[in-house]
Amino acid sequence: VLDAAIPSVVAAMHLRAAAALGAGTSDAARAAHLA
């Protein structure tokens, strides 16, 4: 599913996911999305 998606769309979703998760216990997940 990821491989078939447009890379820029996937990157934008990772950024929105990092923003939506917020700080605190989700920092590791946020960092993974940013990377």
ModelCIF file with pLDDT and N, C-alpha, C, O atoms, coordinates in Angstrom:
data_MODEL
#
_entry.id   MODEL 
#
_entity.id                         1 
_entity.type                       polymer 
_entity.pdbx_number_of_molecules   1 
#
_entity_poly.entity_id                      1 
_entity_poly.type                           'polypeptide(L)' 
_entity_poly.nstd_linkage                   no 
_entity_poly.nstd_monomer                   no 
_entity_poly.pdbx_seq_one_letter_code       VLDAAIPSVVAAMHLRAAAALGAGTSDAARAAHLA 
_entity_poly.pdbx_seq_one_letter_code_can   VLDAAIPSVVAAMHLRAAAALGAGTSDAARAAHLA 
_entity_poly.pdbx_strand_id                 A 
#
loop_
_entity_poly_seq.entity_id 
_entity_poly_seq.num 
_entity_poly_seq.mon_id 
_entity_poly_seq.hetero 
1 1  VAL n 
1 2  LEU n 
1 3  ASP n 
1 4  ALA n 
1 5  ALA n 
1 6  ILE n 
1 7  PRO n 
1 8  SER n 
1 9  VAL n 
1 10 VAL n 
1 11 ALA n 
1 12 ALA n 
1 13 MET n 
1 14 HIS n 
1 15 LEU n 
1 16 ARG n 
1 17 ALA n 
1 18 ALA n 
1 19 ALA n 
1 20 ALA n 
1 21 LEU n 
1 22 GLY n 
1 23 ALA n 
1 24 GLY n 
1 25 THR n 
1 26 SER n 
1 27 ASP n 
1 28 ALA n 
1 29 ALA n 
1 30 ARG n 
1 31 ALA n 
1 32 ALA n 
1 33 HIS n 
1 34 LEU n 
1 35 ALA n 
#
_struct_asym.id          A 
_struct_asym.entity_id   1 
#
loop_
_ma_qa_metric.id 
_ma_qa_metric.mode 
_ma_qa_metric.name 
_ma_qa_metric.software_group_id 
_ma_qa_metric.type 
1 global pLDDT . pLDDT 
2 local  pLDDT . pLDDT 
#
_ma_qa_metric_global.metric_id      1 
_ma_qa_metric_global.metric_value   90.83 
_ma_qa_metric_global.model_id       1 
_ma_qa_metric_global.ordinal_id     1 
#
loop_
_ma_qa_metric_local.label_asym_id 
_ma_qa_metric_local.label_comp_id 
_ma_qa_metric_local.label_seq_id 
_ma_qa_metric_local.metric_id 
_ma_qa_metric_local.metric_value 
_ma_qa_metric_local.model_id 
_ma_qa_metric_local.ordinal_id 
A VAL 1  2 96.00 1 1  
A LEU 2  2 94.00 1 2  
A ASP 3  2 94.00 1 3  
A ALA 4  2 93.00 1 4  
A ALA 5  2 95.00 1 5  
A ILE 6  2 94.00 1 6  
A PRO 7  2 95.00 1 7  
A SER 8  2 95.00 1 8  
A VAL 9  2 95.00 1 9  
A VAL 10 2 96.00 1 10 
A ALA 11 2 96.00 1 11 
A ALA 12 2 96.00 1 12 
A MET 13 2 95.00 1 13 
A HIS 14 2 96.00 1 14 
A LEU 15 2 95.00 1 15 
A ARG 16 2 94.00 1 16 
A ALA 17 2 93.00 1 17 
A ALA 18 2 93.00 1 18 
A ALA 19 2 91.00 1 19 
A ALA 20 2 90.00 1 20 
A LEU 21 2 86.00 1 21 
A GLY 22 2 75.00 1 22 
A ALA 23 2 66.00 1 23 
A GLY 24 2 63.00 1 24 
A THR 25 2 66.00 1 25 
A SER 26 2 85.00 1 26 
A ASP 27 2 92.00 1 27 
A ALA 28 2 93.00 1 28 
A ALA 29 2 93.00 1 29 
A ARG 30 2 94.00 1 30 
A ALA 31 2 96.00 1 31 
A ALA 32 2 95.00 1 32 
A HIS 33 2 96.00 1 33 
A LEU 34 2 96.00 1 34 
A ALA 35 2 97.00 1 35 
#
loop_
_atom_site.group_PDB 
_atom_site.id 
_atom_site.type_symbol 
_atom_site.label_atom_id 
_atom_site.label_alt_id 
_atom_site.label_comp_id 
_atom_site.label_asym_id 
_atom_site.label_entity_id 
_atom_site.label_seq_id 
_atom_site.pdbx_PDB_ins_code 
_atom_site.Cartn_x 
_atom_site.Cartn_y 
_atom_site.Cartn_z 
_atom_site.occupancy 
_atom_site.B_iso_or_equiv 
_atom_site.pdbx_formal_charge 
_atom_site.auth_seq_id 
_atom_site.auth_comp_id 
_atom_site.auth_asym_id 
_atom_site.auth_atom_id 
_atom_site.pdbx_PDB_model_num 
ATOM 1   N N  . VAL A 1 1  ? 0.838  -1.203 0.000  1.00 96.00 ? 1  VAL A N  1 
ATOM 2   C CA . VAL A 1 1  ? 0.000  0.000  0.000  1.00 96.00 ? 1  VAL A CA 1 
ATOM 3   C C  . VAL A 1 1  ? 0.872  1.251  0.000  1.00 96.00 ? 1  VAL A C  1 
ATOM 4   O O  . VAL A 1 1  ? 0.612  2.193  -0.749 1.00 96.00 ? 1  VAL A O  1 
ATOM 5   N N  . LEU A 1 2  ? 1.909  1.261  0.841  1.00 94.00 ? 2  LEU A N  1 
ATOM 6   C CA . LEU A 1 2  ? 2.829  2.397  0.884  1.00 94.00 ? 2  LEU A CA 1 
ATOM 7   C C  . LEU A 1 2  ? 3.614  2.516  -0.416 1.00 94.00 ? 2  LEU A C  1 
ATOM 8   O O  . LEU A 1 2  ? 3.832  3.618  -0.919 1.00 94.00 ? 2  LEU A O  1 
ATOM 9   N N  . ASP A 1 3  ? 4.036  1.383  -0.954 1.00 94.00 ? 3  ASP A N  1 
ATOM 10  C CA . ASP A 1 3  ? 4.841  1.375  -2.169 1.00 94.00 ? 3  ASP A CA 1 
ATOM 11  C C  . ASP A 1 3  ? 4.053  1.905  -3.358 1.00 94.00 ? 3  ASP A C  1 
ATOM 12  O O  . ASP A 1 3  ? 4.621  2.513  -4.265 1.00 94.00 ? 3  ASP A O  1 
ATOM 13  N N  . ALA A 1 4  ? 2.735  1.672  -3.355 1.00 93.00 ? 4  ALA A N  1 
ATOM 14  C CA . ALA A 1 4  ? 1.886  2.098  -4.465 1.00 93.00 ? 4  ALA A CA 1 
ATOM 15  C C  . ALA A 1 4  ? 1.448  3.556  -4.338 1.00 93.00 ? 4  ALA A C  1 
ATOM 16  O O  . ALA A 1 4  ? 0.966  4.142  -5.307 1.00 93.00 ? 4  ALA A O  1 
ATOM 17  N N  . ALA A 1 5  ? 1.612  4.141  -3.159 1.00 95.00 ? 5  ALA A N  1 
ATOM 18  C CA . ALA A 1 5  ? 1.160  5.509  -2.927 1.00 95.00 ? 5  ALA A CA 1 
ATOM 19  C C  . ALA A 1 5  ? 2.171  6.521  -3.467 1.00 95.00 ? 5  ALA A C  1 
ATOM 20  O O  . ALA A 1 5  ? 3.343  6.196  -3.655 1.00 95.00 ? 5  ALA A O  1 
ATOM 21  N N  . ILE A 1 6  ? 1.714  7.737  -3.712 1.00 94.00 ? 6  ILE A N  1 
ATOM 22  C CA . ILE A 1 6  ? 2.592  8.819  -4.167 1.00 94.00 ? 6  ILE A CA 1 
ATOM 23  C C  . ILE A 1 6  ? 3.499  9.212  -3.007 1.00 94.00 ? 6  ILE A C  1 
ATOM 24  O O  . ILE A 1 6  ? 2.992  9.520  -1.928 1.00 94.00 ? 6  ILE A O  1 
ATOM 25  N N  . PRO A 1 7  ? 4.822  9.215  -3.183 1.00 95.00 ? 7  PRO A N  1 
ATOM 26  C CA . PRO A 1 7  ? 5.750  9.495  -2.075 1.00 95.00 ? 7  PRO A CA 1 
ATOM 27  C C  . PRO A 1 7  ? 5.467  10.800 -1.335 1.00 95.00 ? 7  PRO A C  1 
ATOM 28  O O  . PRO A 1 7  ? 5.577  10.853 -0.110 1.00 95.00 ? 7  PRO A O  1 
ATOM 29  N N  . SER A 1 8  ? 5.103  11.849 -2.067 1.00 95.00 ? 8  SER A N  1 
ATOM 30  C CA . SER A 1 8  ? 4.841  13.133 -1.410 1.00 95.00 ? 8  SER A CA 1 
ATOM 31  C C  . SER A 1 8  ? 3.605  13.057 -0.517 1.00 95.00 ? 8  SER A C  1 
ATOM 32  O O  . SER A 1 8  ? 3.535  13.732 0.511  1.00 95.00 ? 8  SER A O  1 
ATOM 33  N N  . VAL A 1 9  ? 2.636  12.238 -0.909 1.00 95.00 ? 9  VAL A N  1 
ATOM 34  C CA . VAL A 1 9  ? 1.430  12.054 -0.079 1.00 95.00 ? 9  VAL A CA 1 
ATOM 35  C C  . VAL A 1 9  ? 1.792  11.305 1.194  1.00 95.00 ? 9  VAL A C  1 
ATOM 36  O O  . VAL A 1 9  ? 1.328  11.657 2.278  1.00 95.00 ? 9  VAL A O  1 
ATOM 37  N N  . VAL A 1 10 ? 2.622  10.268 1.064  1.00 96.00 ? 10 VAL A N  1 
ATOM 38  C CA . VAL A 1 10 ? 3.053  9.511  2.243  1.00 96.00 ? 10 VAL A CA 1 
ATOM 39  C C  . VAL A 1 10 ? 3.847  10.405 3.190  1.00 96.00 ? 10 VAL A C  1 
ATOM 40  O O  . VAL A 1 10 ? 3.636  10.360 4.402  1.00 96.00 ? 10 VAL A O  1 
ATOM 41  N N  . ALA A 1 11 ? 4.757  11.214 2.653  1.00 96.00 ? 11 ALA A N  1 
ATOM 42  C CA . ALA A 1 11 ? 5.558  12.116 3.489  1.00 96.00 ? 11 ALA A CA 1 
ATOM 43  C C  . ALA A 1 11 ? 4.668  13.117 4.221  1.00 96.00 ? 11 ALA A C  1 
ATOM 44  O O  . ALA A 1 11 ? 4.881  13.396 5.401  1.00 96.00 ? 11 ALA A O  1 
ATOM 45  N N  . ALA A 1 12 ? 3.675  13.655 3.521  1.00 96.00 ? 12 ALA A N  1 
ATOM 46  C CA . ALA A 1 12 ? 2.758  14.617 4.149  1.00 96.00 ? 12 ALA A CA 1 
ATOM 47  C C  . ALA A 1 12 ? 1.973  13.958 5.275  1.00 96.00 ? 12 ALA A C  1 
ATOM 48  O O  . ALA A 1 12 ? 1.732  14.572 6.314  1.00 96.00 ? 12 ALA A O  1 
ATOM 49  N N  . MET A 1 13 ? 1.576  12.707 5.066  1.00 95.00 ? 13 MET A N  1 
ATOM 50  C CA . MET A 1 13 ? 0.840  11.997 6.114  1.00 95.00 ? 13 MET A CA 1 
ATOM 51  C C  . MET A 1 13 ? 1.730  11.742 7.333  1.00 95.00 ? 13 MET A C  1 
ATOM 52  O O  . MET A 1 13 ? 1.266  11.838 8.469  1.00 95.00 ? 13 MET A O  1 
ATOM 53  N N  . HIS A 1 14 ? 3.003  11.419 7.102  1.00 96.00 ? 14 HIS A N  1 
ATOM 54  C CA . HIS A 1 14 ? 3.925  11.236 8.229  1.00 96.00 ? 14 HIS A CA 1 
ATOM 55  C C  . HIS A 1 14 ? 4.048  12.532 9.036  1.00 96.00 ? 14 HIS A C  1 
ATOM 56  O O  . HIS A 1 14 ? 4.081  12.499 10.266 1.00 96.00 ? 14 HIS A O  1 
ATOM 57  N N  . LEU A 1 15 ? 4.114  13.658 8.350  1.00 95.00 ? 15 LEU A N  1 
ATOM 58  C CA . LEU A 1 15 ? 4.219  14.944 9.052  1.00 95.00 ? 15 LEU A CA 1 
ATOM 59  C C  . LEU A 1 15 ? 2.950  15.238 9.850  1.00 95.00 ? 15 LEU A C  1 
ATOM 60  O O  . LEU A 1 15 ? 3.022  15.692 10.992 1.00 95.00 ? 15 LEU A O  1 
ATOM 61  N N  . ARG A 1 16 ? 1.790  14.979 9.249  1.00 94.00 ? 16 ARG A N  1 
ATOM 62  C CA . ARG A 1 16 ? 0.527  15.216 9.965  1.00 94.00 ? 16 ARG A CA 1 
ATOM 63  C C  . ARG A 1 16 ? 0.405  14.255 11.143 1.00 94.00 ? 16 ARG A C  1 
ATOM 64  O O  . ARG A 1 16 ? -0.134 14.621 12.187 1.00 94.00 ? 16 ARG A O  1 
ATOM 65  N N  . ALA A 1 17 ? 0.900  13.031 10.985 1.00 93.00 ? 17 ALA A N  1 
ATOM 66  C CA . ALA A 1 17 ? 0.860  12.068 12.090 1.00 93.00 ? 17 ALA A CA 1 
ATOM 67  C C  . ALA A 1 17 ? 1.738  12.552 13.239 1.00 93.00 ? 17 ALA A C  1 
ATOM 68  O O  . ALA A 1 17 ? 1.341  12.464 14.401 1.00 93.00 ? 17 ALA A O  1 
ATOM 69  N N  . ALA A 1 18 ? 2.924  13.058 12.924 1.00 93.00 ? 18 ALA A N  1 
ATOM 70  C CA . ALA A 1 18 ? 3.827  13.571 13.961 1.00 93.00 ? 18 ALA A CA 1 
ATOM 71  C C  . ALA A 1 18 ? 3.185  14.728 14.703 1.00 93.00 ? 18 ALA A C  1 
ATOM 72  O O  . ALA A 1 18 ? 3.308  14.831 15.924 1.00 93.00 ? 18 ALA A O  1 
ATOM 73  N N  . ALA A 1 19 ? 2.501  15.601 13.973 1.00 91.00 ? 19 ALA A N  1 
ATOM 74  C CA . ALA A 1 19 ? 1.847  16.740 14.604 1.00 91.00 ? 19 ALA A CA 1 
ATOM 75  C C  . ALA A 1 19 ? 0.649  16.303 15.448 1.00 91.00 ? 19 ALA A C  1 
ATOM 76  O O  . ALA A 1 19 ? 0.406  16.849 16.524 1.00 91.00 ? 19 ALA A O  1 
ATOM 77  N N  . ALA A 1 20 ? -0.093 15.319 14.951 1.00 90.00 ? 20 ALA A N  1 
ATOM 78  C CA . ALA A 1 20 ? -1.308 14.878 15.646 1.00 90.00 ? 20 ALA A CA 1 
ATOM 79  C C  . ALA A 1 20 ? -1.007 14.103 16.923 1.00 90.00 ? 20 ALA A C  1 
ATOM 80  O O  . ALA A 1 20 ? -1.800 14.122 17.865 1.00 90.00 ? 20 ALA A O  1 
ATOM 81  N N  . LEU A 1 21 ? 0.134  13.422 16.957 1.00 86.00 ? 21 LEU A N  1 
ATOM 82  C CA . LEU A 1 21 ? 0.454  12.597 18.124 1.00 86.00 ? 21 LEU A CA 1 
ATOM 83  C C  . LEU A 1 21 ? 0.766  13.443 19.346 1.00 86.00 ? 21 LEU A C  1 
ATOM 84  O O  . LEU A 1 21 ? 0.487  13.024 20.469 1.00 86.00 ? 21 LEU A O  1 
ATOM 85  N N  . GLY A 1 22 ? 1.338  14.624 19.153 1.00 75.00 ? 22 GLY A N  1 
ATOM 86  C CA . GLY A 1 22 ? 1.651  15.482 20.294 1.00 75.00 ? 22 GLY A CA 1 
ATOM 87  C C  . GLY A 1 22 ? 2.858  15.003 21.065 1.00 75.00 ? 22 GLY A C  1 
ATOM 88  O O  . GLY A 1 22 ? 3.427  13.951 20.771 1.00 75.00 ? 22 GLY A O  1 
ATOM 89  N N  . ALA A 1 23 ? 3.245  15.790 22.061 1.00 66.00 ? 23 ALA A N  1 
ATOM 90  C CA . ALA A 1 23 ? 4.456  15.495 22.840 1.00 66.00 ? 23 ALA A CA 1 
ATOM 91  C C  . ALA A 1 23 ? 4.170  14.500 23.967 1.00 66.00 ? 23 ALA A C  1 
ATOM 92  O O  . ALA A 1 23 ? 3.021  14.214 24.302 1.00 66.00 ? 23 ALA A O  1 
ATOM 93  N N  . GLY A 1 24 ? 5.273  13.982 24.541 1.00 63.00 ? 24 GLY A N  1 
ATOM 94  C CA . GLY A 1 24 ? 5.148  13.095 25.698 1.00 63.00 ? 24 GLY A CA 1 
ATOM 95  C C  . GLY A 1 24 ? 5.438  11.657 25.360 1.00 63.00 ? 24 GLY A C  1 
ATOM 96  O O  . GLY A 1 24 ? 6.482  11.341 24.790 1.00 63.00 ? 24 GLY A O  1 
ATOM 97  N N  . THR A 1 25 ? 4.510  10.779 25.712 1.00 66.00 ? 25 THR A N  1 
ATOM 98  C CA . THR A 1 25 ? 4.751  9.343  25.558 1.00 66.00 ? 25 THR A CA 1 
ATOM 99  C C  . THR A 1 25 ? 4.832  8.911  24.103 1.00 66.00 ? 25 THR A C  1 
ATOM 100 O O  . THR A 1 25 ? 5.293  7.805  23.820 1.00 66.00 ? 25 THR A O  1 
ATOM 101 N N  . SER A 1 26 ? 4.391  9.762  23.161 1.00 85.00 ? 26 SER A N  1 
ATOM 102 C CA . SER A 1 26 ? 4.425  9.410  21.743 1.00 85.00 ? 26 SER A CA 1 
ATOM 103 C C  . SER A 1 26 ? 5.666  9.938  21.047 1.00 85.00 ? 26 SER A C  1 
ATOM 104 O O  . SER A 1 26 ? 5.717  9.945  19.817 1.00 85.00 ? 26 SER A O  1 
ATOM 105 N N  . ASP A 1 27 ? 6.676  10.384 21.800 1.00 92.00 ? 27 ASP A N  1 
ATOM 106 C CA . ASP A 1 27 ? 7.850  11.000 21.183 1.00 92.00 ? 27 ASP A CA 1 
ATOM 107 C C  . ASP A 1 27 ? 8.578  10.054 20.237 1.00 92.00 ? 27 ASP A C  1 
ATOM 108 O O  . ASP A 1 27 ? 9.037  10.481 19.178 1.00 92.00 ? 27 ASP A O  1 
ATOM 109 N N  . ALA A 1 28 ? 8.692  8.787  20.594 1.00 93.00 ? 28 ALA A N  1 
ATOM 110 C CA . ALA A 1 28 ? 9.379  7.832  19.724 1.00 93.00 ? 28 ALA A CA 1 
ATOM 111 C C  . ALA A 1 28 ? 8.637  7.672  18.401 1.00 93.00 ? 28 ALA A C  1 
ATOM 112 O O  . ALA A 1 28 ? 9.252  7.642  17.335 1.00 93.00 ? 28 ALA A O  1 
ATOM 113 N N  . ALA A 1 29 ? 7.313  7.570  18.476 1.00 93.00 ? 29 ALA A N  1 
ATOM 114 C CA . ALA A 1 29 ? 6.514  7.452  17.257 1.00 93.00 ? 29 ALA A CA 1 
ATOM 115 C C  . ALA A 1 29 ? 6.597  8.732  16.437 1.00 93.00 ? 29 ALA A C  1 
ATOM 116 O O  . ALA A 1 29 ? 6.695  8.678  15.212 1.00 93.00 ? 29 ALA A O  1 
ATOM 117 N N  . ARG A 1 30 ? 6.559  9.877  17.102 1.00 94.00 ? 30 ARG A N  1 
ATOM 118 C CA . ARG A 1 30 ? 6.686  11.153 16.390 1.00 94.00 ? 30 ARG A CA 1 
ATOM 119 C C  . ARG A 1 30 ? 8.023  11.232 15.670 1.00 94.00 ? 30 ARG A C  1 
ATOM 120 O O  . ARG A 1 30 ? 8.089  11.650 14.514 1.00 94.00 ? 30 ARG A O  1 
ATOM 121 N N  . ALA A 1 31 ? 9.088  10.831 16.353 1.00 96.00 ? 31 ALA A N  1 
ATOM 122 C CA . ALA A 1 31 ? 10.417 10.869 15.743 1.00 96.00 ? 31 ALA A CA 1 
ATOM 123 C C  . ALA A 1 31 ? 10.484 9.959  14.523 1.00 96.00 ? 31 ALA A C  1 
ATOM 124 O O  . ALA A 1 31 ? 11.073 10.321 13.505 1.00 96.00 ? 31 ALA A O  1 
ATOM 125 N N  . ALA A 1 32 ? 9.883  8.782  14.626 1.00 95.00 ? 32 ALA A N  1 
ATOM 126 C CA . ALA A 1 32 ? 9.887  7.846  13.496 1.00 95.00 ? 32 ALA A CA 1 
ATOM 127 C C  . ALA A 1 32 ? 9.150  8.449  12.303 1.00 95.00 ? 32 ALA A C  1 
ATOM 128 O O  . ALA A 1 32 ? 9.590  8.300  11.163 1.00 95.00 ? 32 ALA A O  1 
ATOM 129 N N  . HIS A 1 33 ? 8.032  9.127  12.558 1.00 96.00 ? 33 HIS A N  1 
ATOM 130 C CA . HIS A 1 33 ? 7.287  9.764  11.465 1.00 96.00 ? 33 HIS A CA 1 
ATOM 131 C C  . HIS A 1 33 ? 8.099  10.899 10.844 1.00 96.00 ? 33 HIS A C  1 
ATOM 132 O O  . HIS A 1 33 ? 8.114  11.053 9.623  1.00 96.00 ? 33 HIS A O  1 
ATOM 133 N N  . LEU A 1 34 ? 8.769  11.688 11.670 1.00 96.00 ? 34 LEU A N  1 
ATOM 134 C CA . LEU A 1 34 ? 9.597  12.773 11.147 1.00 96.00 ? 34 LEU A CA 1 
ATOM 135 C C  . LEU A 1 34 ? 10.731 12.228 10.278 1.00 96.00 ? 34 LEU A C  1 
ATOM 136 O O  . LEU A 1 34 ? 11.042 12.783 9.224  1.00 96.00 ? 34 LEU A O  1 
ATOM 137 N N  . ALA A 1 35 ? 11.338 11.138 10.735 1.00 97.00 ? 35 ALA A N  1 
ATOM 138 C CA . ALA A 1 35 ? 12.416 10.525 9.956  1.00 97.00 ? 35 ALA A CA 1 
ATOM 139 C C  . ALA A 1 35 ? 11.886 10.009 8.619  1.00 97.00 ? 35 ALA A C  1 
ATOM 140 O O  . ALA A 1 35 ? 12.648 9.459  7.824  1.00 97.00 ? 35 ALA A O  1 
#
